[in-house]
Amino acid sequence: MTLLEPHNLPFAVAFGALFVIGLLQVIGVGDALEGAGDFDIDVDSGNALSTGGVFDSVSSVLGIGRVPLLIWLSSLLFVFALTGTVGQALIDAATGAPLSAGIAAILAAGAALPLNGIVTRPLEKLLPKDETSAVDLRSLVRRDARIQVGTARAGSPARAKVEDVHGHPHFVMVEPHDTDAALSEGETVLLVRREGELFYAVRYESPLLTP
């Protein structure tokens, strides 16, 4: 029994798709496809316990999110094709005839999805982790900021630009720490505290900065 026989056609197609993905990775197209396949799912707060919990459980079982999407798909194709061809060979040896291509594909897919979740667990540990330069907004306190637009007054914040420890700019809303002060456009100030998304700043001549 060979891979090209009719009852093994779905698994031959899976191996072919796996080969194409590998070829795309070699020529550099795979990275673009992987980026296009990334997605985020927002769950409404009212359904967070039901929808979000079920989705997280299913994703964990299937291994979705453990590894990059293209690697997950490649692993699934390989597990599906291998499960199908080995299963057909065992059934043929036991009964004298393999299953039809359609039934074999359905059974192999049902087995491959959870098996792929098991396979991706060790893959997750082997793959290098992506480093991120994302910072907590609290880390912007005690950093310089420049008022970009408007004049910041108590109850009337203005937009300011501040750079994090990585040199990446953030645009935040700023009010003066001193309720009687006004921070003008173009002025450089120091962020001294934060409440929610709002930052409070002082001028450098403020007594708060005196040792």
N, C-alpha and C. Protein backbone atom coordinates (compact mmCIF):
# COMPACT_ATOMS: atom_id res chain seq x y z
N MET A 1 0.86 -1.19 0.00
CA MET A 1 0.00 0.00 0.00
C MET A 1 0.89 1.24 0.00
N THR A 2 0.67 2.15 -0.95
CA THR A 2 1.49 3.35 -1.08
C THR A 2 0.68 4.60 -0.74
N LEU A 3 1.39 5.69 -0.55
CA LEU A 3 0.76 6.96 -0.18
C LEU A 3 -0.11 7.50 -1.30
N LEU A 4 0.19 7.13 -2.55
CA LEU A 4 -0.51 7.68 -3.70
C LEU A 4 -1.78 6.91 -4.07
N GLU A 5 -2.11 5.88 -3.32
CA GLU A 5 -3.35 5.15 -3.59
C GLU A 5 -4.55 6.00 -3.19
N PRO A 6 -5.71 5.78 -3.84
CA PRO A 6 -6.88 6.65 -3.62
C PRO A 6 -7.29 6.79 -2.16
N HIS A 7 -7.23 5.71 -1.37
CA HIS A 7 -7.68 5.79 0.02
C HIS A 7 -6.73 6.61 0.90
N ASN A 8 -5.54 6.91 0.37
CA ASN A 8 -4.57 7.73 1.11
C ASN A 8 -4.46 9.14 0.54
N LEU A 9 -5.36 9.50 -0.37
CA LEU A 9 -5.27 10.80 -1.04
C LEU A 9 -5.28 11.99 -0.07
N PRO A 10 -6.16 12.03 0.95
CA PRO A 10 -6.13 13.19 1.86
C PRO A 10 -4.78 13.35 2.55
N PHE A 11 -4.13 12.25 2.84
CA PHE A 11 -2.86 12.32 3.57
C PHE A 11 -1.71 12.70 2.63
N ALA A 12 -1.84 12.29 1.37
CA ALA A 12 -0.85 12.73 0.38
C ALA A 12 -0.96 14.24 0.17
N VAL A 13 -2.20 14.74 0.15
CA VAL A 13 -2.40 16.19 0.01
C VAL A 13 -1.82 16.92 1.21
N ALA A 14 -1.99 16.37 2.42
CA ALA A 14 -1.44 17.00 3.62
C ALA A 14 0.09 17.06 3.58
N PHE A 15 0.71 15.96 3.14
CA PHE A 15 2.17 15.96 3.00
C PHE A 15 2.60 16.98 1.94
N GLY A 16 1.82 17.11 0.87
CA GLY A 16 2.13 18.09 -0.17
C GLY A 16 2.02 19.51 0.36
N ALA A 17 0.97 19.77 1.14
CA ALA A 17 0.81 21.11 1.73
C ALA A 17 1.95 21.42 2.69
N LEU A 18 2.39 20.40 3.41
CA LEU A 18 3.52 20.58 4.33
C LEU A 18 4.79 20.93 3.57
N PHE A 19 4.98 20.30 2.43
CA PHE A 19 6.13 20.60 1.59
C PHE A 19 6.07 22.04 1.08
N VAL A 20 4.88 22.49 0.66
CA VAL A 20 4.70 23.85 0.16
C VAL A 20 5.01 24.87 1.26
N ILE A 21 4.53 24.61 2.47
CA ILE A 21 4.81 25.53 3.59
C ILE A 21 6.31 25.62 3.84
N GLY A 22 6.99 24.47 3.80
CA GLY A 22 8.43 24.48 3.99
C GLY A 22 9.14 25.27 2.90
N LEU A 23 8.66 25.13 1.67
CA LEU A 23 9.25 25.87 0.56
C LEU A 23 9.03 27.37 0.72
N LEU A 24 7.84 27.77 1.16
CA LEU A 24 7.55 29.19 1.37
C LEU A 24 8.43 29.77 2.48
N GLN A 25 8.70 28.97 3.50
CA GLN A 25 9.58 29.43 4.56
C GLN A 25 11.00 29.65 4.04
N VAL A 26 11.45 28.77 3.17
CA VAL A 26 12.80 28.88 2.62
C VAL A 26 12.96 30.15 1.80
N ILE A 27 11.93 30.50 1.01
CA ILE A 27 12.03 31.67 0.14
C ILE A 27 11.57 32.95 0.84
N GLY A 28 11.13 32.83 2.11
CA GLY A 28 10.82 34.02 2.91
C GLY A 28 9.38 34.47 2.88
N VAL A 29 8.51 33.76 2.17
CA VAL A 29 7.10 34.16 2.10
C VAL A 29 6.35 33.73 3.35
N GLY A 30 6.83 32.69 4.02
CA GLY A 30 6.13 32.14 5.17
C GLY A 30 5.96 33.13 6.29
N ASP A 31 6.97 34.00 6.52
CA ASP A 31 6.87 34.98 7.60
C ASP A 31 5.71 35.94 7.38
N ALA A 32 5.52 36.37 6.12
CA ALA A 32 4.41 37.28 5.82
C ALA A 32 3.07 36.59 6.03
N LEU A 33 2.99 35.31 5.62
CA LEU A 33 1.74 34.57 5.79
C LEU A 33 1.42 34.37 7.26
N GLU A 34 2.46 34.11 8.05
CA GLU A 34 2.25 33.90 9.48
C GLU A 34 1.75 35.15 10.15
N GLY A 35 2.32 36.31 9.77
CA GLY A 35 1.88 37.56 10.35
C GLY A 35 0.44 37.87 9.99
N ALA A 36 0.06 37.53 8.74
CA ALA A 36 -1.32 37.79 8.31
C ALA A 36 -2.31 36.89 9.03
N GLY A 37 -1.83 35.74 9.52
CA GLY A 37 -2.73 34.80 10.18
C GLY A 37 -2.92 35.05 11.65
N ASP A 38 -2.16 35.99 12.23
CA ASP A 38 -2.30 36.28 13.64
C ASP A 38 -3.60 37.02 13.88
N PHE A 39 -4.25 36.72 14.97
CA PHE A 39 -5.50 37.40 15.28
C PHE A 39 -5.69 37.46 16.77
N ASP A 40 -6.50 38.43 17.19
CA ASP A 40 -6.86 38.56 18.59
C ASP A 40 -8.36 38.43 18.69
N ILE A 41 -8.83 37.84 19.78
CA ILE A 41 -10.26 37.70 20.00
C ILE A 41 -10.62 38.42 21.28
N ASP A 42 -11.51 39.41 21.17
CA ASP A 42 -11.97 40.15 22.34
C ASP A 42 -13.26 39.51 22.82
N VAL A 43 -13.35 39.27 24.10
CA VAL A 43 -14.53 38.65 24.67
C VAL A 43 -15.27 39.68 25.49
N ASP A 44 -16.55 39.83 25.22
CA ASP A 44 -17.37 40.77 25.97
C ASP A 44 -17.39 40.39 27.44
N SER A 45 -17.31 41.39 28.33
CA SER A 45 -17.19 41.12 29.76
C SER A 45 -18.36 40.30 30.29
N GLY A 46 -19.51 40.47 29.71
CA GLY A 46 -20.66 39.72 30.19
C GLY A 46 -20.57 38.25 29.86
N ASN A 47 -19.80 37.87 28.83
CA ASN A 47 -19.69 36.48 28.44
C ASN A 47 -18.31 35.93 28.71
N ALA A 48 -17.50 36.66 29.50
CA ALA A 48 -16.10 36.27 29.69
C ALA A 48 -15.97 34.90 30.32
N LEU A 49 -16.84 34.58 31.29
CA LEU A 49 -16.72 33.31 31.97
C LEU A 49 -17.13 32.16 31.09
N SER A 50 -18.13 32.37 30.21
CA SER A 50 -18.62 31.29 29.37
C SER A 50 -17.81 31.16 28.10
N THR A 51 -17.90 32.19 27.23
CA THR A 51 -17.22 32.11 25.94
C THR A 51 -15.71 32.07 26.09
N GLY A 52 -15.15 33.01 26.87
CA GLY A 52 -13.71 33.08 27.02
C GLY A 52 -13.15 31.82 27.66
N GLY A 53 -13.83 31.31 28.70
CA GLY A 53 -13.33 30.12 29.38
C GLY A 53 -13.33 28.91 28.47
N VAL A 54 -14.41 28.73 27.70
CA VAL A 54 -14.49 27.60 26.78
C VAL A 54 -13.43 27.71 25.70
N PHE A 55 -13.27 28.92 25.15
CA PHE A 55 -12.26 29.11 24.09
C PHE A 55 -10.86 28.82 24.60
N ASP A 56 -10.55 29.31 25.81
CA ASP A 56 -9.23 29.07 26.38
C ASP A 56 -8.99 27.59 26.60
N SER A 57 -10.01 26.86 27.05
CA SER A 57 -9.86 25.43 27.30
C SER A 57 -9.62 24.68 26.00
N VAL A 58 -10.42 25.00 24.97
CA VAL A 58 -10.25 24.34 23.68
C VAL A 58 -8.89 24.66 23.09
N SER A 59 -8.48 25.94 23.17
CA SER A 59 -7.18 26.34 22.64
C SER A 59 -6.04 25.60 23.32
N SER A 60 -6.17 25.41 24.63
CA SER A 60 -5.13 24.71 25.38
C SER A 60 -5.02 23.26 24.95
N VAL A 61 -6.17 22.60 24.76
CA VAL A 61 -6.17 21.20 24.33
C VAL A 61 -5.58 21.05 22.94
N LEU A 62 -5.92 21.97 22.05
CA LEU A 62 -5.45 21.88 20.66
C LEU A 62 -4.05 22.44 20.47
N GLY A 63 -3.52 23.13 21.47
CA GLY A 63 -2.17 23.68 21.35
C GLY A 63 -2.11 25.00 20.65
N ILE A 64 -3.26 25.64 20.40
CA ILE A 64 -3.28 26.91 19.70
C ILE A 64 -2.71 28.00 20.62
N GLY A 65 -1.77 28.77 20.09
CA GLY A 65 -1.14 29.83 20.86
C GLY A 65 0.14 29.41 21.55
N ARG A 66 0.41 28.12 21.61
CA ARG A 66 1.65 27.65 22.23
C ARG A 66 2.86 27.96 21.36
N VAL A 67 2.67 27.83 20.05
CA VAL A 67 3.74 28.05 19.09
C VAL A 67 3.22 28.96 17.99
N PRO A 68 4.09 29.55 17.16
CA PRO A 68 3.62 30.37 16.04
C PRO A 68 2.63 29.61 15.15
N LEU A 69 1.70 30.34 14.55
CA LEU A 69 0.60 29.74 13.80
C LEU A 69 1.09 28.81 12.69
N LEU A 70 2.12 29.23 11.96
CA LEU A 70 2.59 28.42 10.84
C LEU A 70 3.21 27.11 11.32
N ILE A 71 3.90 27.16 12.46
CA ILE A 71 4.47 25.93 13.02
C ILE A 71 3.35 25.02 13.51
N TRP A 72 2.34 25.61 14.14
CA TRP A 72 1.19 24.81 14.60
C TRP A 72 0.51 24.13 13.42
N LEU A 73 0.30 24.85 12.33
CA LEU A 73 -0.35 24.28 11.16
C LEU A 73 0.51 23.19 10.53
N SER A 74 1.81 23.42 10.45
CA SER A 74 2.72 22.41 9.88
C SER A 74 2.69 21.15 10.72
N SER A 75 2.71 21.32 12.03
CA SER A 75 2.66 20.17 12.92
C SER A 75 1.35 19.41 12.76
N LEU A 76 0.24 20.14 12.64
CA LEU A 76 -1.06 19.50 12.46
C LEU A 76 -1.11 18.71 11.16
N LEU A 77 -0.61 19.27 10.09
CA LEU A 77 -0.60 18.55 8.81
C LEU A 77 0.22 17.27 8.90
N PHE A 78 1.38 17.36 9.56
CA PHE A 78 2.23 16.19 9.69
C PHE A 78 1.56 15.11 10.53
N VAL A 79 0.99 15.51 11.68
CA VAL A 79 0.33 14.54 12.55
C VAL A 79 -0.87 13.92 11.84
N PHE A 80 -1.64 14.73 11.13
CA PHE A 80 -2.80 14.23 10.39
C PHE A 80 -2.38 13.22 9.33
N ALA A 81 -1.36 13.56 8.53
CA ALA A 81 -0.92 12.68 7.46
C ALA A 81 -0.33 11.38 8.01
N LEU A 82 0.48 11.51 9.07
CA LEU A 82 1.10 10.33 9.65
C LEU A 82 0.07 9.43 10.30
N THR A 83 -0.87 10.03 11.06
CA THR A 83 -1.92 9.24 11.70
C THR A 83 -2.77 8.52 10.66
N GLY A 84 -3.10 9.22 9.58
CA GLY A 84 -3.94 8.62 8.55
C GLY A 84 -3.27 7.47 7.83
N THR A 85 -2.03 7.66 7.39
CA THR A 85 -1.35 6.60 6.64
C THR A 85 -1.06 5.39 7.51
N VAL A 86 -0.62 5.61 8.74
CA VAL A 86 -0.37 4.48 9.65
C VAL A 86 -1.67 3.77 9.99
N GLY A 87 -2.73 4.56 10.24
CA GLY A 87 -4.02 3.97 10.55
C GLY A 87 -4.55 3.13 9.39
N GLN A 88 -4.44 3.62 8.18
CA GLN A 88 -4.89 2.88 7.01
C GLN A 88 -4.11 1.58 6.85
N ALA A 89 -2.80 1.64 7.09
CA ALA A 89 -1.98 0.43 6.97
C ALA A 89 -2.38 -0.61 8.01
N LEU A 90 -2.66 -0.15 9.25
CA LEU A 90 -3.06 -1.09 10.30
C LEU A 90 -4.43 -1.70 10.01
N ILE A 91 -5.36 -0.87 9.55
CA ILE A 91 -6.70 -1.37 9.23
C ILE A 91 -6.63 -2.34 8.05
N ASP A 92 -5.82 -2.03 7.07
CA ASP A 92 -5.67 -2.91 5.91
C ASP A 92 -5.09 -4.26 6.33
N ALA A 93 -4.11 -4.21 7.25
CA ALA A 93 -3.50 -5.45 7.71
C ALA A 93 -4.47 -6.28 8.54
N ALA A 94 -5.34 -5.60 9.31
CA ALA A 94 -6.25 -6.31 10.20
C ALA A 94 -7.49 -6.84 9.49
N THR A 95 -8.00 -6.08 8.52
CA THR A 95 -9.27 -6.45 7.88
C THR A 95 -9.12 -6.86 6.42
N GLY A 96 -7.98 -6.57 5.84
CA GLY A 96 -7.78 -6.92 4.43
C GLY A 96 -8.16 -5.81 3.49
N ALA A 97 -8.69 -4.70 4.00
CA ALA A 97 -9.06 -3.57 3.14
C ALA A 97 -9.02 -2.29 3.95
N PRO A 98 -8.50 -1.19 3.39
CA PRO A 98 -8.48 0.08 4.10
C PRO A 98 -9.83 0.76 4.08
N LEU A 99 -9.99 1.77 4.89
CA LEU A 99 -11.21 2.57 4.89
C LEU A 99 -11.24 3.46 3.65
N SER A 100 -12.42 3.98 3.33
CA SER A 100 -12.50 4.95 2.24
C SER A 100 -11.76 6.22 2.64
N ALA A 101 -11.36 6.99 1.64
CA ALA A 101 -10.57 8.20 1.90
C ALA A 101 -11.31 9.18 2.80
N GLY A 102 -12.62 9.36 2.57
CA GLY A 102 -13.40 10.32 3.35
C GLY A 102 -13.49 9.94 4.82
N ILE A 103 -13.84 8.67 5.08
CA ILE A 103 -13.98 8.22 6.47
C ILE A 103 -12.62 8.25 7.17
N ALA A 104 -11.58 7.82 6.47
CA ALA A 104 -10.24 7.83 7.06
C ALA A 104 -9.80 9.25 7.40
N ALA A 105 -10.13 10.20 6.52
CA ALA A 105 -9.74 11.59 6.76
C ALA A 105 -10.45 12.15 7.99
N ILE A 106 -11.75 11.84 8.15
CA ILE A 106 -12.52 12.32 9.30
C ILE A 106 -11.94 11.75 10.60
N LEU A 107 -11.68 10.45 10.61
CA LEU A 107 -11.14 9.82 11.81
C LEU A 107 -9.74 10.34 12.13
N ALA A 108 -8.92 10.50 11.08
CA ALA A 108 -7.55 10.99 11.30
C ALA A 108 -7.56 12.42 11.81
N ALA A 109 -8.48 13.26 11.29
CA ALA A 109 -8.57 14.64 11.75
C ALA A 109 -8.99 14.70 13.21
N GLY A 110 -9.97 13.85 13.58
CA GLY A 110 -10.42 13.81 14.97
C GLY A 110 -9.32 13.39 15.92
N ALA A 111 -8.43 12.51 15.48
CA ALA A 111 -7.31 12.09 16.32
C ALA A 111 -6.17 13.09 16.28
N ALA A 112 -5.96 13.73 15.12
CA ALA A 112 -4.80 14.61 14.94
C ALA A 112 -4.91 15.89 15.76
N LEU A 113 -6.11 16.42 15.93
CA LEU A 113 -6.26 17.69 16.64
C LEU A 113 -5.77 17.60 18.10
N PRO A 114 -6.25 16.65 18.89
CA PRO A 114 -5.71 16.57 20.26
C PRO A 114 -4.27 16.08 20.29
N LEU A 115 -3.89 15.17 19.37
CA LEU A 115 -2.50 14.71 19.33
C LEU A 115 -1.54 15.86 19.03
N ASN A 116 -1.99 16.76 18.16
CA ASN A 116 -1.15 17.91 17.83
C ASN A 116 -0.97 18.81 19.05
N GLY A 117 -1.99 18.91 19.89
CA GLY A 117 -1.87 19.67 21.12
C GLY A 117 -0.78 19.10 22.02
N ILE A 118 -0.65 17.76 22.03
CA ILE A 118 0.39 17.11 22.83
C ILE A 118 1.76 17.37 22.21
N VAL A 119 1.82 17.33 20.87
CA VAL A 119 3.10 17.53 20.17
C VAL A 119 3.63 18.94 20.38
N THR A 120 2.73 19.94 20.42
CA THR A 120 3.18 21.33 20.51
C THR A 120 3.73 21.68 21.89
N ARG A 121 3.43 20.89 22.91
CA ARG A 121 3.94 21.20 24.26
C ARG A 121 5.47 21.17 24.32
N PRO A 122 6.12 20.09 23.86
CA PRO A 122 7.59 20.12 23.84
C PRO A 122 8.15 21.12 22.84
N LEU A 123 7.41 21.37 21.73
CA LEU A 123 7.87 22.35 20.75
C LEU A 123 7.91 23.74 21.38
N GLU A 124 6.92 24.04 22.22
CA GLU A 124 6.85 25.35 22.87
C GLU A 124 8.10 25.60 23.71
N LYS A 125 8.59 24.55 24.38
CA LYS A 125 9.76 24.70 25.24
C LYS A 125 11.05 24.83 24.42
N LEU A 126 11.07 24.22 23.22
CA LEU A 126 12.27 24.25 22.40
C LEU A 126 12.43 25.56 21.64
N LEU A 127 11.30 26.18 21.28
CA LEU A 127 11.37 27.40 20.47
C LEU A 127 11.81 28.58 21.31
N PRO A 128 12.64 29.49 20.75
CA PRO A 128 13.05 30.68 21.49
C PRO A 128 11.86 31.58 21.73
N LYS A 129 11.86 32.24 22.87
CA LYS A 129 10.77 33.16 23.22
C LYS A 129 11.02 34.52 22.61
N ASP A 130 9.95 35.14 22.11
CA ASP A 130 10.05 36.50 21.59
C ASP A 130 10.20 37.47 22.75
N GLU A 131 11.17 38.36 22.66
CA GLU A 131 11.35 39.37 23.67
C GLU A 131 10.52 40.60 23.30
N THR A 132 9.94 41.21 24.29
CA THR A 132 9.12 42.38 24.03
C THR A 132 9.67 43.59 24.77
N SER A 133 9.49 44.74 24.18
CA SER A 133 9.94 45.98 24.82
C SER A 133 8.76 46.73 25.42
N ALA A 134 7.60 46.05 25.54
CA ALA A 134 6.44 46.70 26.14
C ALA A 134 6.73 47.03 27.60
N VAL A 135 6.27 48.18 28.05
CA VAL A 135 6.53 48.62 29.41
C VAL A 135 5.22 48.91 30.12
N ASP A 136 5.26 48.80 31.43
CA ASP A 136 4.13 49.18 32.26
C ASP A 136 4.08 50.70 32.31
N LEU A 137 2.88 51.26 32.22
CA LEU A 137 2.74 52.71 32.25
C LEU A 137 3.30 53.31 33.54
N ARG A 138 3.32 52.54 34.61
CA ARG A 138 3.86 53.06 35.87
C ARG A 138 5.34 53.40 35.75
N SER A 139 6.04 52.72 34.80
CA SER A 139 7.48 52.98 34.65
C SER A 139 7.75 54.35 34.02
N LEU A 140 6.71 55.01 33.50
CA LEU A 140 6.89 56.33 32.90
C LEU A 140 6.95 57.43 33.96
N VAL A 141 6.51 57.13 35.17
CA VAL A 141 6.61 58.10 36.25
C VAL A 141 8.08 58.35 36.57
N ARG A 142 8.42 59.61 36.86
CA ARG A 142 9.79 60.09 37.11
C ARG A 142 10.59 60.19 35.82
N ARG A 143 9.91 60.29 34.69
CA ARG A 143 10.58 60.51 33.43
C ARG A 143 10.16 61.86 32.84
N ASP A 144 11.07 62.44 32.01
CA ASP A 144 10.77 63.72 31.37
C ASP A 144 9.69 63.55 30.31
N ALA A 145 8.88 64.56 30.16
CA ALA A 145 7.86 64.59 29.11
C ALA A 145 7.80 66.01 28.55
N ARG A 146 7.41 66.10 27.29
CA ARG A 146 7.27 67.41 26.66
C ARG A 146 5.81 67.61 26.25
N ILE A 147 5.24 68.72 26.68
CA ILE A 147 3.86 69.03 26.32
C ILE A 147 3.79 69.24 24.81
N GLN A 148 2.93 68.48 24.15
CA GLN A 148 2.84 68.52 22.69
C GLN A 148 1.75 69.47 22.18
N VAL A 149 0.59 69.34 22.74
CA VAL A 149 -0.55 70.11 22.24
C VAL A 149 -1.32 70.70 23.42
N GLY A 150 -1.56 71.99 23.38
CA GLY A 150 -2.38 72.64 24.39
C GLY A 150 -1.61 73.01 25.64
N THR A 151 -2.34 73.52 26.59
CA THR A 151 -1.80 73.90 27.90
C THR A 151 -2.49 73.05 28.96
N ALA A 152 -1.67 72.40 29.79
CA ALA A 152 -2.22 71.53 30.82
C ALA A 152 -2.57 72.33 32.07
N ARG A 153 -3.83 72.21 32.47
CA ARG A 153 -4.30 72.85 33.70
C ARG A 153 -5.09 71.82 34.50
N ALA A 154 -5.34 72.12 35.76
CA ALA A 154 -6.12 71.22 36.60
C ALA A 154 -7.50 71.00 35.98
N GLY A 155 -7.84 69.75 35.74
CA GLY A 155 -9.12 69.43 35.12
C GLY A 155 -9.13 69.55 33.62
N SER A 156 -8.01 69.99 33.02
CA SER A 156 -7.92 70.16 31.57
C SER A 156 -6.56 69.65 31.10
N PRO A 157 -6.42 68.34 30.92
CA PRO A 157 -5.12 67.77 30.57
C PRO A 157 -4.71 68.12 29.14
N ALA A 158 -3.41 68.06 28.91
CA ALA A 158 -2.85 68.27 27.58
C ALA A 158 -2.04 67.03 27.21
N ARG A 159 -1.86 66.85 25.91
CA ARG A 159 -1.10 65.68 25.45
C ARG A 159 0.39 65.96 25.57
N ALA A 160 1.13 64.95 26.06
CA ALA A 160 2.58 65.08 26.21
C ALA A 160 3.26 63.83 25.66
N LYS A 161 4.48 63.99 25.25
CA LYS A 161 5.28 62.89 24.72
C LYS A 161 6.35 62.52 25.74
N VAL A 162 6.45 61.23 26.06
CA VAL A 162 7.46 60.75 27.00
C VAL A 162 8.08 59.48 26.41
N GLU A 163 9.37 59.31 26.60
CA GLU A 163 10.07 58.12 26.11
C GLU A 163 10.31 57.16 27.26
N ASP A 164 10.10 55.84 26.98
CA ASP A 164 10.34 54.84 28.01
C ASP A 164 11.82 54.48 28.07
N VAL A 165 12.14 53.50 28.87
CA VAL A 165 13.54 53.11 29.07
C VAL A 165 14.17 52.57 27.79
N HIS A 166 13.36 52.12 26.85
CA HIS A 166 13.85 51.61 25.57
C HIS A 166 13.97 52.70 24.51
N GLY A 167 13.56 53.92 24.87
CA GLY A 167 13.60 55.01 23.91
C GLY A 167 12.37 55.09 23.03
N HIS A 168 11.35 54.30 23.33
CA HIS A 168 10.13 54.32 22.54
C HIS A 168 9.19 55.42 23.04
N PRO A 169 8.61 56.19 22.14
CA PRO A 169 7.74 57.30 22.58
C PRO A 169 6.36 56.83 23.00
N HIS A 170 5.80 57.49 23.98
CA HIS A 170 4.43 57.27 24.42
C HIS A 170 3.76 58.64 24.51
N PHE A 171 2.51 58.69 24.12
CA PHE A 171 1.76 59.95 24.19
C PHE A 171 0.72 59.80 25.30
N VAL A 172 0.83 60.64 26.30
CA VAL A 172 -0.01 60.53 27.49
C VAL A 172 -0.69 61.87 27.76
N MET A 173 -1.74 61.81 28.55
CA MET A 173 -2.44 63.02 28.96
C MET A 173 -1.92 63.46 30.32
N VAL A 174 -1.62 64.76 30.42
CA VAL A 174 -0.93 65.29 31.59
C VAL A 174 -1.69 66.48 32.18
N GLU A 175 -1.77 66.50 33.51
CA GLU A 175 -2.25 67.66 34.25
C GLU A 175 -1.15 68.09 35.21
N PRO A 176 -1.13 69.35 35.61
CA PRO A 176 -0.13 69.78 36.59
C PRO A 176 -0.41 69.19 37.97
N HIS A 177 0.64 68.81 38.66
CA HIS A 177 0.49 68.31 40.03
C HIS A 177 -0.03 69.43 40.95
N ASP A 178 0.47 70.62 40.71
CA ASP A 178 0.00 71.80 41.45
C ASP A 178 -1.25 72.32 40.77
N THR A 179 -2.36 72.31 41.46
CA THR A 179 -3.63 72.67 40.84
C THR A 179 -3.68 74.12 40.36
N ASP A 180 -2.78 74.98 40.85
CA ASP A 180 -2.76 76.38 40.43
C ASP A 180 -1.81 76.62 39.25
N ALA A 181 -1.07 75.60 38.85
CA ALA A 181 -0.07 75.76 37.80
C ALA A 181 -0.67 75.51 36.42
N ALA A 182 0.07 75.94 35.38
CA ALA A 182 -0.29 75.68 34.00
C ALA A 182 0.99 75.28 33.27
N LEU A 183 0.93 74.19 32.54
CA LEU A 183 2.09 73.68 31.81
C LEU A 183 1.86 73.94 30.33
N SER A 184 2.71 74.78 29.74
CA SER A 184 2.47 75.27 28.39
C SER A 184 3.00 74.32 27.32
N GLU A 185 2.47 74.48 26.12
CA GLU A 185 2.90 73.70 24.97
C GLU A 185 4.40 73.92 24.73
N GLY A 186 5.14 72.83 24.52
CA GLY A 186 6.58 72.89 24.27
C GLY A 186 7.41 72.82 25.53
N GLU A 187 6.77 72.89 26.69
CA GLU A 187 7.49 72.87 27.96
C GLU A 187 7.85 71.44 28.36
N THR A 188 9.07 71.25 28.87
CA THR A 188 9.49 69.94 29.36
C THR A 188 9.21 69.86 30.85
N VAL A 189 8.53 68.78 31.26
CA VAL A 189 8.11 68.62 32.64
C VAL A 189 8.53 67.23 33.13
N LEU A 190 8.33 67.00 34.40
CA LEU A 190 8.64 65.70 35.00
C LEU A 190 7.34 65.07 35.47
N LEU A 191 7.09 63.83 35.04
CA LEU A 191 5.91 63.10 35.48
C LEU A 191 6.16 62.57 36.89
N VAL A 192 5.30 62.94 37.84
CA VAL A 192 5.54 62.57 39.24
C VAL A 192 4.55 61.55 39.78
N ARG A 193 3.41 61.41 39.15
CA ARG A 193 2.47 60.39 39.60
C ARG A 193 1.47 60.08 38.50
N ARG A 194 0.73 59.01 38.68
CA ARG A 194 -0.23 58.56 37.67
C ARG A 194 -1.49 58.09 38.35
N GLU A 195 -2.63 58.44 37.79
CA GLU A 195 -3.92 57.93 38.24
C GLU A 195 -4.68 57.44 37.02
N GLY A 196 -4.76 56.13 36.88
CA GLY A 196 -5.38 55.56 35.69
C GLY A 196 -4.56 55.89 34.46
N GLU A 197 -5.18 56.51 33.46
CA GLU A 197 -4.49 56.89 32.23
C GLU A 197 -3.94 58.31 32.30
N LEU A 198 -4.18 58.99 33.40
CA LEU A 198 -3.79 60.40 33.54
C LEU A 198 -2.51 60.53 34.37
N PHE A 199 -1.57 61.34 33.86
CA PHE A 199 -0.33 61.60 34.57
C PHE A 199 -0.33 63.03 35.12
N TYR A 200 0.39 63.22 36.21
CA TYR A 200 0.54 64.54 36.80
C TYR A 200 2.01 64.92 36.76
N ALA A 201 2.28 66.18 36.41
CA ALA A 201 3.66 66.62 36.18
C ALA A 201 3.95 67.91 36.91
N VAL A 202 5.25 68.17 37.09
CA VAL A 202 5.71 69.41 37.72
C VAL A 202 6.81 70.02 36.86
N ARG A 203 6.99 71.32 37.03
CA ARG A 203 8.14 71.97 36.40
C ARG A 203 9.40 71.62 37.18
N TYR A 204 10.54 71.83 36.57
CA TYR A 204 11.79 71.48 37.23
C TYR A 204 12.08 72.38 38.43
N GLU A 205 11.51 73.59 38.43
CA GLU A 205 11.77 74.47 39.57
C GLU A 205 10.84 74.17 40.75
N SER A 206 10.01 73.12 40.61
CA SER A 206 9.08 72.80 41.67
C SER A 206 9.81 72.39 42.94
N PRO A 207 9.32 72.80 44.11
CA PRO A 207 9.93 72.40 45.38
C PRO A 207 9.93 70.89 45.60
N LEU A 208 9.05 70.18 44.88
CA LEU A 208 9.00 68.72 45.02
C LEU A 208 10.30 68.06 44.58
N LEU A 209 11.07 68.76 43.72
CA LEU A 209 12.30 68.18 43.19
C LEU A 209 13.52 68.59 44.01
N THR A 210 13.33 69.37 45.03
CA THR A 210 14.45 69.81 45.87
C THR A 210 14.90 68.65 46.76
N PRO A 211 16.19 68.31 46.79
CA PRO A 211 16.68 67.19 47.61
C PRO A 211 16.31 67.40 49.08
